[in-house]
């Protein structure tokens, strides 16, 4: 989760380290973090990741348009439910299998 300046610095440090060692890393652009609703946080995380060699997989629009969106957060307000994890797992698998690219267009949602 990227919520503080230290978190963003750590993300950059990790990305730079992986890139220096020729390790390919990918992450989602959005994880529906209930505590990270401040404007600009997602954009800053995406920019930080991209600048340090981390491939950013777009899922924000998939999450936003999901009919199960209202069921994603557990009653504790922190953890995610099975419908969320199922959706995210499907997106990872599509990406890893080559069935979708990191950037979404209308054809590979």
PDB file of N, CA and C in Angstrom:
ATOM      1  N   UNK A   1       0.843  -1.178   0.000  1.00  0.00           N
ATOM      2  CA  UNK A   1       0.000   0.000   0.000  1.00  0.00           C
ATOM      3  C   UNK A   1       0.890   1.244   0.000  1.00  0.00           C
ATOM      4  N   UNK A   2       0.508   2.198  -0.749  1.00  0.00           N
ATOM      5  CA  UNK A   2       1.262   3.444  -0.811  1.00  0.00           C
ATOM      6  C   UNK A   2       0.400   4.555  -0.239  1.00  0.00           C
ATOM      7  N   UNK A   3       0.726   4.947   0.976  1.00  0.00           N
ATOM      8  CA  UNK A   3      -0.062   5.964   1.665  1.00  0.00           C
ATOM      9  C   UNK A   3       0.779   7.136   2.149  1.00  0.00           C
ATOM     10  N   UNK A   4       2.062   6.901   2.372  1.00  0.00           N
ATOM     11  CA  UNK A   4       2.932   7.954   2.901  1.00  0.00           C
ATOM     12  C   UNK A   4       4.100   8.175   1.940  1.00  0.00           C
ATOM     13  N   UNK A   5       4.820   9.267   2.153  1.00  0.00           N
ATOM     14  CA  UNK A   5       6.011   9.525   1.341  1.00  0.00           C
ATOM     15  C   UNK A   5       7.015   8.384   1.459  1.00  0.00           C
ATOM     16  N   UNK A   6       7.158   7.826   2.670  1.00  0.00           N
ATOM     17  CA  UNK A   6       8.073   6.696   2.865  1.00  0.00           C
ATOM     18  C   UNK A   6       7.647   5.491   2.024  1.00  0.00           C
ATOM     19  N   UNK A   7       6.334   5.264   1.914  1.00  0.00           N
ATOM     20  CA  UNK A   7       5.836   4.153   1.095  1.00  0.00           C
ATOM     21  C   UNK A   7       6.213   4.338  -0.371  1.00  0.00           C
ATOM     22  N   UNK A   8       6.071   5.558  -0.869  1.00  0.00           N
ATOM     23  CA  UNK A   8       6.421   5.826  -2.263  1.00  0.00           C
ATOM     24  C   UNK A   8       7.922   5.685  -2.490  1.00  0.00           C
ATOM     25  N   UNK A   9       8.722   6.128  -1.528  1.00  0.00           N
ATOM     26  CA  UNK A   9      10.174   5.973  -1.631  1.00  0.00           C
ATOM     27  C   UNK A   9      10.555   4.497  -1.628  1.00  0.00           C
ATOM     28  N   UNK A  10       9.876   3.706  -0.792  1.00  0.00           N
ATOM     29  CA  UNK A  10      10.149   2.268  -0.737  1.00  0.00           C
ATOM     30  C   UNK A  10       9.770   1.590  -2.050  1.00  0.00           C
ATOM     31  N   UNK A  11       8.657   1.991  -2.640  1.00  0.00           N
ATOM     32  CA  UNK A  11       8.240   1.434  -3.927  1.00  0.00           C
ATOM     33  C   UNK A  11       9.295   1.722  -4.994  1.00  0.00           C
ATOM     34  N   UNK A  12       9.784   2.947  -5.030  1.00  0.00           N
ATOM     35  CA  UNK A  12      10.822   3.317  -5.997  1.00  0.00           C
ATOM     36  C   UNK A  12      12.107   2.533  -5.738  1.00  0.00           C
ATOM     37  N   UNK A  13      12.490   2.411  -4.484  1.00  0.00           N
ATOM     38  CA  UNK A  13      13.695   1.668  -4.117  1.00  0.00           C
ATOM     39  C   UNK A  13      13.593   0.216  -4.586  1.00  0.00           C
ATOM     40  N   UNK A  14      12.452  -0.410  -4.325  1.00  0.00           N
ATOM     41  CA  UNK A  14      12.253  -1.797  -4.743  1.00  0.00           C
ATOM     42  C   UNK A  14      12.290  -1.929  -6.262  1.00  0.00           C
ATOM     43  N   UNK A  15      11.554  -1.061  -6.942  1.00  0.00           N
ATOM     44  CA  UNK A  15      11.529  -1.113  -8.402  1.00  0.00           C
ATOM     45  C   UNK A  15      12.906  -0.928  -9.009  1.00  0.00           C
ATOM     46  N   UNK A  16      13.638   0.053  -8.499  1.00  0.00           N
ATOM     47  CA  UNK A  16      14.997   0.297  -9.000  1.00  0.00           C
ATOM     48  C   UNK A  16      15.899  -0.912  -8.751  1.00  0.00           C
ATOM     49  N   UNK A  17      15.758  -1.520  -7.583  1.00  0.00           N
ATOM     50  CA  UNK A  17      16.567  -2.697  -7.247  1.00  0.00           C
ATOM     51  C   UNK A  17      16.251  -3.888  -8.137  1.00  0.00           C
ATOM     52  N   UNK A  18      14.974  -4.123  -8.361  1.00  0.00           N
ATOM     53  CA  UNK A  18      14.590  -5.221  -9.255  1.00  0.00           C
ATOM     54  C   UNK A  18      15.105  -4.975 -10.671  1.00  0.00           C
ATOM     55  N   UNK A  19      14.930  -3.757 -11.153  1.00  0.00           N
ATOM     56  CA  UNK A  19      15.375  -3.428 -12.509  1.00  0.00           C
ATOM     57  C   UNK A  19      16.892  -3.603 -12.633  1.00  0.00           C
ATOM     58  N   UNK A  20      17.639  -3.173 -11.618  1.00  0.00           N
ATOM     59  CA  UNK A  20      19.099  -3.298 -11.647  1.00  0.00           C
ATOM     60  C   UNK A  20      19.541  -4.758 -11.712  1.00  0.00           C
ATOM     61  N   UNK A  21      18.690  -5.653 -11.234  1.00  0.00           N
ATOM     62  CA  UNK A  21      19.002  -7.079 -11.250  1.00  0.00           C
ATOM     63  C   UNK A  21      18.251  -7.832 -12.346  1.00  0.00           C
ATOM     64  N   UNK A  22      17.704  -7.086 -13.308  1.00  0.00           N
ATOM     65  CA  UNK A  22      16.997  -7.649 -14.471  1.00  0.00           C
ATOM     66  C   UNK A  22      15.816  -8.531 -14.072  1.00  0.00           C
ATOM     67  N   UNK A  23      15.123  -8.141 -13.004  1.00  0.00           N
ATOM     68  CA  UNK A  23      13.941  -8.871 -12.556  1.00  0.00           C
ATOM     69  C   UNK A  23      12.709  -8.120 -13.035  1.00  0.00           C
ATOM     70  N   UNK A  24      11.854  -8.818 -13.767  1.00  0.00           N
ATOM     71  CA  UNK A  24      10.624  -8.205 -14.266  1.00  0.00           C
ATOM     72  C   UNK A  24       9.580  -8.210 -13.149  1.00  0.00           C
ATOM     73  N   UNK A  25       8.998  -7.054 -12.894  1.00  0.00           N
ATOM     74  CA  UNK A  25       8.004  -6.906 -11.835  1.00  0.00           C
ATOM     75  C   UNK A  25       6.768  -6.229 -12.412  1.00  0.00           C
ATOM     76  N   UNK A  26       5.606  -6.686 -11.964  1.00  0.00           N
ATOM     77  CA  UNK A  26       4.346  -6.066 -12.375  1.00  0.00           C
ATOM     78  C   UNK A  26       3.479  -5.869 -11.142  1.00  0.00           C
ATOM     79  N   UNK A  27       2.650  -4.843 -11.191  1.00  0.00           N
ATOM     80  CA  UNK A  27       1.711  -4.587 -10.096  1.00  0.00           C
ATOM     81  C   UNK A  27       0.443  -3.981 -10.684  1.00  0.00           C
ATOM     82  N   UNK A  28      -0.630  -4.072  -9.931  1.00  0.00           N
ATOM     83  CA  UNK A  28      -1.887  -3.470 -10.360  1.00  0.00           C
ATOM     84  C   UNK A  28      -1.866  -1.965 -10.128  1.00  0.00           C
ATOM     85  N   UNK A  29      -2.601  -1.240 -10.958  1.00  0.00           N
ATOM     86  CA  UNK A  29      -2.703   0.209 -10.791  1.00  0.00           C
ATOM     87  C   UNK A  29      -3.617   0.575  -9.630  1.00  0.00           C
ATOM     88  N   UNK A  30      -4.505  -0.301  -9.271  1.00  0.00           N
ATOM     89  CA  UNK A  30      -5.510  -0.019  -8.236  1.00  0.00           C
ATOM     90  C   UNK A  30      -5.810  -1.320  -7.512  1.00  0.00           C
ATOM     91  N   UNK A  31      -5.897  -1.250  -6.189  1.00  0.00           N
ATOM     92  CA  UNK A  31      -6.243  -2.443  -5.421  1.00  0.00           C
ATOM     93  C   UNK A  31      -7.467  -2.218  -4.539  1.00  0.00           C
ATOM     94  N   UNK A  32      -8.158  -1.122  -4.760  1.00  0.00           N
ATOM     95  CA  UNK A  32      -9.385  -0.805  -4.015  1.00  0.00           C
ATOM     96  C   UNK A  32      -9.096  -0.720  -2.517  1.00  0.00           C
ATOM     97  N   UNK A  33      -8.019  -0.034  -2.172  1.00  0.00           N
ATOM     98  CA  UNK A  33      -7.626   0.142  -0.773  1.00  0.00           C
ATOM     99  C   UNK A  33      -8.541   1.172  -0.130  1.00  0.00           C
ATOM    100  N   UNK A  34      -9.392   0.758   0.816  1.00  0.00           N
ATOM    101  CA  UNK A  34     -10.327   1.709   1.427  1.00  0.00           C
ATOM    102  C   UNK A  34      -9.645   2.876   2.138  1.00  0.00           C
ATOM    103  N   UNK A  35      -8.410   2.678   2.600  1.00  0.00           N
ATOM    104  CA  UNK A  35      -7.711   3.740   3.323  1.00  0.00           C
ATOM    105  C   UNK A  35      -6.937   4.668   2.390  1.00  0.00           C
ATOM    106  N   UNK A  36      -6.955   4.395   1.108  1.00  0.00           N
ATOM    107  CA  UNK A  36      -6.165   5.180   0.166  1.00  0.00           C
ATOM    108  C   UNK A  36      -7.076   5.903  -0.818  1.00  0.00           C
ATOM    109  N   UNK A  37      -7.954   6.713  -0.294  1.00  0.00           N
ATOM    110  CA  UNK A  37      -8.947   7.386  -1.135  1.00  0.00           C
ATOM    111  C   UNK A  37      -8.594   8.842  -1.438  1.00  0.00           C
ATOM    112  N   UNK A  38      -7.460   9.290  -0.942  1.00  0.00           N
ATOM    113  CA  UNK A  38      -7.059  10.672  -1.208  1.00  0.00           C
ATOM    114  C   UNK A  38      -6.779  10.862  -2.692  1.00  0.00           C
ATOM    115  N   UNK A  39      -7.219  11.969  -3.257  1.00  0.00           N
ATOM    116  CA  UNK A  39      -6.962  12.231  -4.677  1.00  0.00           C
ATOM    117  C   UNK A  39      -5.467  12.226  -4.985  1.00  0.00           C
ATOM    118  N   UNK A  40      -5.116  11.609  -6.084  1.00  0.00           N
ATOM    119  CA  UNK A  40      -3.738  11.599  -6.540  1.00  0.00           C
ATOM    120  C   UNK A  40      -2.891  10.440  -6.055  1.00  0.00           C
ATOM    121  N   UNK A  41      -3.375   9.667  -5.093  1.00  0.00           N
ATOM    122  CA  UNK A  41      -2.569   8.576  -4.544  1.00  0.00           C
ATOM    123  C   UNK A  41      -2.319   7.498  -5.597  1.00  0.00           C
ATOM    124  N   UNK A  42      -3.365   7.078  -6.280  1.00  0.00           N
ATOM    125  CA  UNK A  42      -3.210   6.044  -7.307  1.00  0.00           C
ATOM    126  C   UNK A  42      -2.292   6.540  -8.418  1.00  0.00           C
ATOM    127  N   UNK A  43      -2.506   7.760  -8.868  1.00  0.00           N
ATOM    128  CA  UNK A  43      -1.687   8.323  -9.937  1.00  0.00           C
ATOM    129  C   UNK A  43      -0.218   8.404  -9.530  1.00  0.00           C
ATOM    130  N   UNK A  44       0.026   8.780  -8.279  1.00  0.00           N
ATOM    131  CA  UNK A  44       1.407   8.877  -7.797  1.00  0.00           C
ATOM    132  C   UNK A  44       2.054   7.494  -7.729  1.00  0.00           C
ATOM    133  N   UNK A  45       1.305   6.502  -7.271  1.00  0.00           N
ATOM    134  CA  UNK A  45       1.843   5.140  -7.203  1.00  0.00           C
ATOM    135  C   UNK A  45       2.166   4.614  -8.599  1.00  0.00           C
ATOM    136  N   UNK A  46       1.271   4.854  -9.546  1.00  0.00           N
ATOM    137  CA  UNK A  46       1.491   4.409 -10.926  1.00  0.00           C
ATOM    138  C   UNK A  46       2.720   5.090 -11.519  1.00  0.00           C
ATOM    139  N   UNK A  47       2.855   6.387 -11.307  1.00  0.00           N
ATOM    140  CA  UNK A  47       4.010   7.127 -11.827  1.00  0.00           C
ATOM    141  C   UNK A  47       5.307   6.648 -11.181  1.00  0.00           C
ATOM    142  N   UNK A  48       5.284   6.435  -9.875  1.00  0.00           N
ATOM    143  CA  UNK A  48       6.474   5.967  -9.159  1.00  0.00           C
ATOM    144  C   UNK A  48       6.883   4.592  -9.658  1.00  0.00           C
ATOM    145  N   UNK A  49       5.910   3.702  -9.776  1.00  0.00           N
ATOM    146  CA  UNK A  49       6.201   2.347 -10.253  1.00  0.00           C
ATOM    147  C   UNK A  49       6.763   2.380 -11.668  1.00  0.00           C
ATOM    148  N   UNK A  50       6.097   3.096 -12.543  1.00  0.00           N
ATOM    149  CA  UNK A  50       6.537   3.166 -13.935  1.00  0.00           C
ATOM    150  C   UNK A  50       7.933   3.727 -14.090  1.00  0.00           C
ATOM    151  N   UNK A  51       8.254   4.738 -13.293  1.00  0.00           N
ATOM    152  CA  UNK A  51       9.579   5.366 -13.404  1.00  0.00           C
ATOM    153  C   UNK A  51      10.693   4.472 -12.878  1.00  0.00           C
ATOM    154  N   UNK A  52      10.342   3.441 -12.113  1.00  0.00           N
ATOM    155  CA  UNK A  52      11.370   2.542 -11.587  1.00  0.00           C
ATOM    156  C   UNK A  52      11.323   1.168 -12.252  1.00  0.00           C
ATOM    157  N   UNK A  53      10.643   1.086 -13.403  1.00  0.00           N
ATOM    158  CA  UNK A  53      10.677  -0.145 -14.185  1.00  0.00           C
ATOM    159  C   UNK A  53       9.623  -1.177 -13.861  1.00  0.00           C
ATOM    160  N   UNK A  54       8.687  -0.854 -12.992  1.00  0.00           N
ATOM    161  CA  UNK A  54       7.612  -1.788 -12.665  1.00  0.00           C
ATOM    162  C   UNK A  54       6.511  -1.638 -13.708  1.00  0.00           C
ATOM    163  N   UNK A  55       6.103  -2.753 -14.315  1.00  0.00           N
ATOM    164  CA  UNK A  55       5.003  -2.704 -15.275  1.00  0.00           C
ATOM    165  C   UNK A  55       3.698  -2.601 -14.497  1.00  0.00           C
ATOM    166  N   UNK A  56       2.873  -1.654 -14.875  1.00  0.00           N
ATOM    167  CA  UNK A  56       1.619  -1.404 -14.161  1.00  0.00           C
ATOM    168  C   UNK A  56       0.462  -1.994 -14.958  1.00  0.00           C
ATOM    169  N   UNK A  57      -0.259  -2.909 -14.329  1.00  0.00           N
ATOM    170  CA  UNK A  57      -1.394  -3.578 -14.962  1.00  0.00           C
ATOM    171  C   UNK A  57      -2.660  -2.824 -14.592  1.00  0.00           C
ATOM    172  N   UNK A  58      -3.332  -2.309 -15.586  1.00  0.00           N
ATOM    173  CA  UNK A  58      -4.549  -1.528 -15.352  1.00  0.00           C
ATOM    174  C   UNK A  58      -5.720  -2.438 -14.966  1.00  0.00           C
ATOM    175  N   UNK A  59      -6.251  -2.224 -13.769  1.00  0.00           N
ATOM    176  CA  UNK A  59      -7.467  -2.922 -13.339  1.00  0.00           C
ATOM    177  C   UNK A  59      -8.473  -1.971 -12.701  1.00  0.00           C
ATOM    178  N   UNK A  60      -8.110  -0.712 -12.569  1.00  0.00           N
ATOM    179  CA  UNK A  60      -9.000   0.249 -11.918  1.00  0.00           C
ATOM    180  C   UNK A  60     -10.377   0.295 -12.540  1.00  0.00           C
ATOM    181  N   UNK A  61     -10.441   0.311 -13.865  1.00  0.00           N
ATOM    182  CA  UNK A  61     -11.747   0.375 -14.527  1.00  0.00           C
ATOM    183  C   UNK A  61     -12.510  -0.935 -14.383  1.00  0.00           C
ATOM    184  N   UNK A  62     -11.790  -2.054 -14.306  1.00  0.00           N
ATOM    185  CA  UNK A  62     -12.435  -3.355 -14.098  1.00  0.00           C
ATOM    186  C   UNK A  62     -13.068  -3.389 -12.707  1.00  0.00           C
ATOM    187  N   UNK A  63     -12.328  -2.927 -11.709  1.00  0.00           N
ATOM    188  CA  UNK A  63     -12.867  -2.867 -10.347  1.00  0.00           C
ATOM    189  C   UNK A  63     -14.062  -1.932 -10.270  1.00  0.00           C
ATOM    190  N   UNK A  64     -13.924  -0.763 -10.870  1.00  0.00           N
ATOM    191  CA  UNK A  64     -14.987   0.245 -10.799  1.00  0.00           C
ATOM    192  C   UNK A  64     -16.267  -0.213 -11.478  1.00  0.00           C
ATOM    193  N   UNK A  65     -16.148  -1.023 -12.515  1.00  0.00           N
ATOM    194  CA  UNK A  65     -17.341  -1.439 -13.254  1.00  0.00           C
ATOM    195  C   UNK A  65     -17.886  -2.792 -12.812  1.00  0.00           C
ATOM    196  N   UNK A  66     -17.256  -3.411 -11.831  1.00  0.00           N
ATOM    197  CA  UNK A  66     -17.714  -4.726 -11.386  1.00  0.00           C
ATOM    198  C   UNK A  66     -19.076  -4.637 -10.698  1.00  0.00           C
ATOM    199  N   UNK A  67     -19.997  -5.528 -11.055  1.00  0.00           N
ATOM    200  CA  UNK A  67     -21.296  -5.539 -10.375  1.00  0.00           C
ATOM    201  C   UNK A  67     -21.181  -5.946  -8.900  1.00  0.00           C
ATOM    202  N   UNK A  68     -20.066  -6.582  -8.526  1.00  0.00           N
ATOM    203  CA  UNK A  68     -19.853  -7.000  -7.137  1.00  0.00           C
ATOM    204  C   UNK A  68     -19.098  -5.969  -6.311  1.00  0.00           C
ATOM    205  N   UNK A  69     -18.841  -4.802  -6.864  1.00  0.00           N
ATOM    206  CA  UNK A  69     -18.016  -3.788  -6.194  1.00  0.00           C
ATOM    207  C   UNK A  69     -18.466  -3.501  -4.759  1.00  0.00           C
ATOM    208  N   UNK A  70     -19.749  -3.421  -4.537  1.00  0.00           N
ATOM    209  CA  UNK A  70     -20.246  -3.104  -3.188  1.00  0.00           C
ATOM    210  C   UNK A  70     -19.972  -4.226  -2.191  1.00  0.00           C
ATOM    211  N   UNK A  71     -19.599  -5.394  -2.680  1.00  0.00           N
ATOM    212  CA  UNK A  71     -19.331  -6.543  -1.810  1.00  0.00           C
ATOM    213  C   UNK A  71     -17.837  -6.795  -1.611  1.00  0.00           C
ATOM    214  N   UNK A  72     -16.980  -5.908  -2.103  1.00  0.00           N
ATOM    215  CA  UNK A  72     -15.538  -6.146  -2.062  1.00  0.00           C
ATOM    216  C   UNK A  72     -14.931  -6.055  -0.664  1.00  0.00           C
ATOM    217  N   UNK A  73     -15.401  -5.159   0.166  1.00  0.00           N
ATOM    218  CA  UNK A  73     -14.772  -4.925   1.466  1.00  0.00           C
ATOM    219  C   UNK A  73     -15.500  -5.708   2.554  1.00  0.00           C
ATOM    220  N   UNK A  74     -14.714  -6.407   3.393  1.00  0.00           N
ATOM    221  CA  UNK A  74     -15.277  -7.164   4.518  1.00  0.00           C
ATOM    222  C   UNK A  74     -15.899  -6.219   5.544  1.00  0.00           C
ATOM    223  N   UNK A  75     -16.628  -6.795   6.460  1.00  0.00           N
ATOM    224  CA  UNK A  75     -17.280  -6.004   7.503  1.00  0.00           C
ATOM    225  C   UNK A  75     -16.280  -5.247   8.370  1.00  0.00           C
ATOM    226  N   UNK A  76     -15.036  -5.737   8.470  1.00  0.00           N
ATOM    227  CA  UNK A  76     -14.043  -5.035   9.286  1.00  0.00           C
ATOM    228  C   UNK A  76     -13.540  -3.760   8.613  1.00  0.00           C
ATOM    229  N   UNK A  77     -13.912  -3.550   7.338  1.00  0.00           N
ATOM    230  CA  UNK A  77     -13.514  -2.344   6.627  1.00  0.00           C
ATOM    231  C   UNK A  77     -12.073  -2.336   6.153  1.00  0.00           C
ATOM    232  N   UNK A  78     -11.376  -3.436   6.330  1.00  0.00           N
ATOM    233  CA  UNK A  78      -9.965  -3.516   5.968  1.00  0.00           C
ATOM    234  C   UNK A  78      -9.720  -4.567   4.887  1.00  0.00           C
ATOM    235  N   UNK A  79     -10.159  -5.766   5.160  1.00  0.00           N
ATOM    236  CA  UNK A  79      -9.881  -6.893   4.278  1.00  0.00           C
ATOM    237  C   UNK A  79     -10.883  -6.989   3.132  1.00  0.00           C
ATOM    238  N   UNK A  80     -10.489  -7.732   2.110  1.00  0.00           N
ATOM    239  CA  UNK A  80     -11.339  -7.904   0.938  1.00  0.00           C
ATOM    240  C   UNK A  80     -12.012  -9.273   0.963  1.00  0.00           C
ATOM    241  N   UNK A  81     -13.123  -9.355   0.271  1.00  0.00           N
ATOM    242  CA  UNK A  81     -13.919 -10.581   0.241  1.00  0.00           C
ATOM    243  C   UNK A  81     -13.545 -11.455  -0.957  1.00  0.00           C
ATOM    244  N   UNK A  82     -14.164 -12.619  -1.008  1.00  0.00           N
ATOM    245  CA  UNK A  82     -13.904 -13.580  -2.076  1.00  0.00           C
ATOM    246  C   UNK A  82     -14.212 -13.030  -3.468  1.00  0.00           C
ATOM    247  N   UNK A  83     -15.318 -12.304  -3.693  1.00  0.00           N
ATOM    248  CA  UNK A  83     -15.555 -11.773  -5.043  1.00  0.00           C
ATOM    249  C   UNK A  83     -14.421 -10.858  -5.537  1.00  0.00           C
ATOM    250  N   UNK A  84     -13.864 -10.065  -4.648  1.00  0.00           N
ATOM    251  CA  UNK A  84     -12.730  -9.201  -4.999  1.00  0.00           C
ATOM    252  C   UNK A  84     -11.521 -10.051  -5.385  1.00  0.00           C
ATOM    253  N   UNK A  85     -11.177 -11.004  -4.526  1.00  0.00           N
ATOM    254  CA  UNK A  85      -9.999 -11.830  -4.778  1.00  0.00           C
ATOM    255  C   UNK A  85     -10.161 -12.662  -6.047  1.00  0.00           C
ATOM    256  N   UNK A  86     -11.358 -13.138  -6.320  1.00  0.00           N
ATOM    257  CA  UNK A  86     -11.608 -13.894  -7.542  1.00  0.00           C
ATOM    258  C   UNK A  86     -11.362 -13.019  -8.773  1.00  0.00           C
ATOM    259  N   UNK A  87     -11.899 -11.801  -8.739  1.00  0.00           N
ATOM    260  CA  UNK A  87     -11.726 -10.877  -9.861  1.00  0.00           C
ATOM    261  C   UNK A  87     -10.248 -10.544 -10.080  1.00  0.00           C
ATOM    262  N   UNK A  88      -9.542 -10.231  -9.010  1.00  0.00           N
ATOM    263  CA  UNK A  88      -8.125  -9.878  -9.129  1.00  0.00           C
ATOM    264  C   UNK A  88      -7.297 -11.076  -9.609  1.00  0.00           C
ATOM    265  N   UNK A  89      -7.611 -12.272  -9.111  1.00  0.00           N
ATOM    266  CA  UNK A  89      -6.894 -13.473  -9.555  1.00  0.00           C
ATOM    267  C   UNK A  89      -7.105 -13.708 -11.047  1.00  0.00           C
ATOM    268  N   UNK A  90      -8.316 -13.509 -11.513  1.00  0.00           N
ATOM    269  CA  UNK A  90      -8.590 -13.674 -12.945  1.00  0.00           C
ATOM    270  C   UNK A  90      -7.783 -12.682 -13.777  1.00  0.00           C
ATOM    271  N   UNK A  91      -7.671 -11.443 -13.300  1.00  0.00           N
ATOM    272  CA  UNK A  91      -6.897 -10.443 -14.039  1.00  0.00           C
ATOM    273  C   UNK A  91      -5.414 -10.801 -14.066  1.00  0.00           C
ATOM    274  N   UNK A  92      -4.868 -11.285 -12.924  1.00  0.00           N
ATOM    275  CA  UNK A  92      -3.468 -11.724 -12.899  1.00  0.00           C
ATOM    276  C   UNK A  92      -3.256 -12.859 -13.885  1.00  0.00           C
ATOM    277  N   UNK A  93      -4.147 -13.850 -13.829  1.00  0.00           N
ATOM    278  CA  UNK A  93      -3.990 -15.015 -14.699  1.00  0.00           C
ATOM    279  C   UNK A  93      -4.092 -14.640 -16.172  1.00  0.00           C
ATOM    280  N   UNK A  94      -5.018 -13.752 -16.510  1.00  0.00           N
ATOM    281  CA  UNK A  94      -5.121 -13.285 -17.900  1.00  0.00           C
ATOM    282  C   UNK A  94      -3.808 -12.635 -18.334  1.00  0.00           C
ATOM    283  N   UNK A  95      -3.263 -11.798 -17.474  1.00  0.00           N
ATOM    284  CA  UNK A  95      -2.011 -11.108 -17.784  1.00  0.00           C
ATOM    285  C   UNK A  95      -0.863 -12.113 -17.938  1.00  0.00           C
ATOM    286  N   UNK A  96      -0.730 -13.019 -16.980  1.00  0.00           N
ATOM    287  CA  UNK A  96       0.371 -13.986 -17.009  1.00  0.00           C
ATOM    288  C   UNK A  96       0.271 -14.941 -18.196  1.00  0.00           C
ATOM    289  N   UNK A  97      -0.952 -15.287 -18.589  1.00  0.00           N
ATOM    290  CA  UNK A  97      -1.163 -16.204 -19.711  1.00  0.00           C
ATOM    291  C   UNK A  97      -1.087 -15.501 -21.063  1.00  0.00           C
ATOM    292  N   UNK A  98      -0.975 -14.187 -21.046  1.00  0.00           N
ATOM    293  CA  UNK A  98      -0.911 -13.432 -22.290  1.00  0.00           C
ATOM    294  C   UNK A  98      -2.259 -13.143 -22.911  1.00  0.00           C
ATOM    295  N   UNK A  99      -3.330 -13.362 -22.154  1.00  0.00           N
ATOM    296  CA  UNK A  99      -4.679 -13.115 -22.664  1.00  0.00           C
ATOM    297  C   UNK A  99      -5.078 -11.648 -22.560  1.00  0.00           C
ATOM    298  N   UNK A 100      -4.271 -10.866 -21.875  1.00  0.00           N
ATOM    299  CA  UNK A 100      -4.495  -9.417 -21.799  1.00  0.00           C
ATOM    300  C   UNK A 100      -3.152  -8.727 -21.636  1.00  0.00           C
ATOM    301  N   UNK A 101      -3.108  -7.477 -22.018  1.00  0.00           N
ATOM    302  CA  UNK A 101      -1.906  -6.666 -21.855  1.00  0.00           C
ATOM    303  C   UNK A 101      -2.030  -5.859 -20.560  1.00  0.00           C
ATOM    304  N   UNK A 102      -0.951  -5.220 -20.179  1.00  0.00           N
ATOM    305  CA  UNK A 102      -0.981  -4.388 -18.977  1.00  0.00           C
ATOM    306  C   UNK A 102      -1.939  -3.218 -19.153  1.00  0.00           C
ATOM    307  N   UNK A 103      -1.910  -2.599 -20.332  1.00  0.00           N
ATOM    308  CA  UNK A 103      -2.811  -1.479 -20.622  1.00  0.00           C
ATOM    309  C   UNK A 103      -4.106  -2.036 -21.182  1.00  0.00           C
ATOM    310  N   UNK A 104      -5.210  -1.590 -20.635  1.00  0.00           N
ATOM    311  CA  UNK A 104      -6.506  -2.043 -21.119  1.00  0.00           C
ATOM    312  C   UNK A 104      -6.944  -1.241 -22.326  1.00  0.00           C
ATOM    313  N   UNK A 105      -7.544  -1.926 -23.249  1.00  0.00           N
ATOM    314  CA  UNK A 105      -8.314  -1.271 -24.295  1.00  0.00           C
ATOM    315  C   UNK A 105      -9.631  -2.038 -24.339  1.00  0.00           C
ATOM    316  N   UNK A 106     -10.554  -1.628 -25.119  1.00  0.00           N
ATOM    317  CA  UNK A 106     -11.862  -2.269 -25.141  1.00  0.00           C
ATOM    318  C   UNK A 106     -11.824  -3.746 -25.481  1.00  0.00           C
ATOM    319  N   UNK A 107     -10.777  -4.202 -26.145  1.00  0.00           N
ATOM    320  CA  UNK A 107     -10.729  -5.577 -26.619  1.00  0.00           C
ATOM    321  C   UNK A 107     -10.222  -6.581 -25.592  1.00  0.00           C
ATOM    322  N   UNK A 108      -9.503  -6.134 -24.555  1.00  0.00           N
ATOM    323  CA  UNK A 108      -8.911  -7.145 -23.667  1.00  0.00           C
ATOM    324  C   UNK A 108      -9.325  -6.996 -22.216  1.00  0.00           C
ATOM    325  N   UNK A 109     -10.534  -6.572 -21.972  1.00  0.00           N
ATOM    326  CA  UNK A 109     -11.016  -6.469 -20.594  1.00  0.00           C
ATOM    327  C   UNK A 109     -11.386  -7.832 -20.068  1.00  0.00           C
TER     328      UNK A 109
END
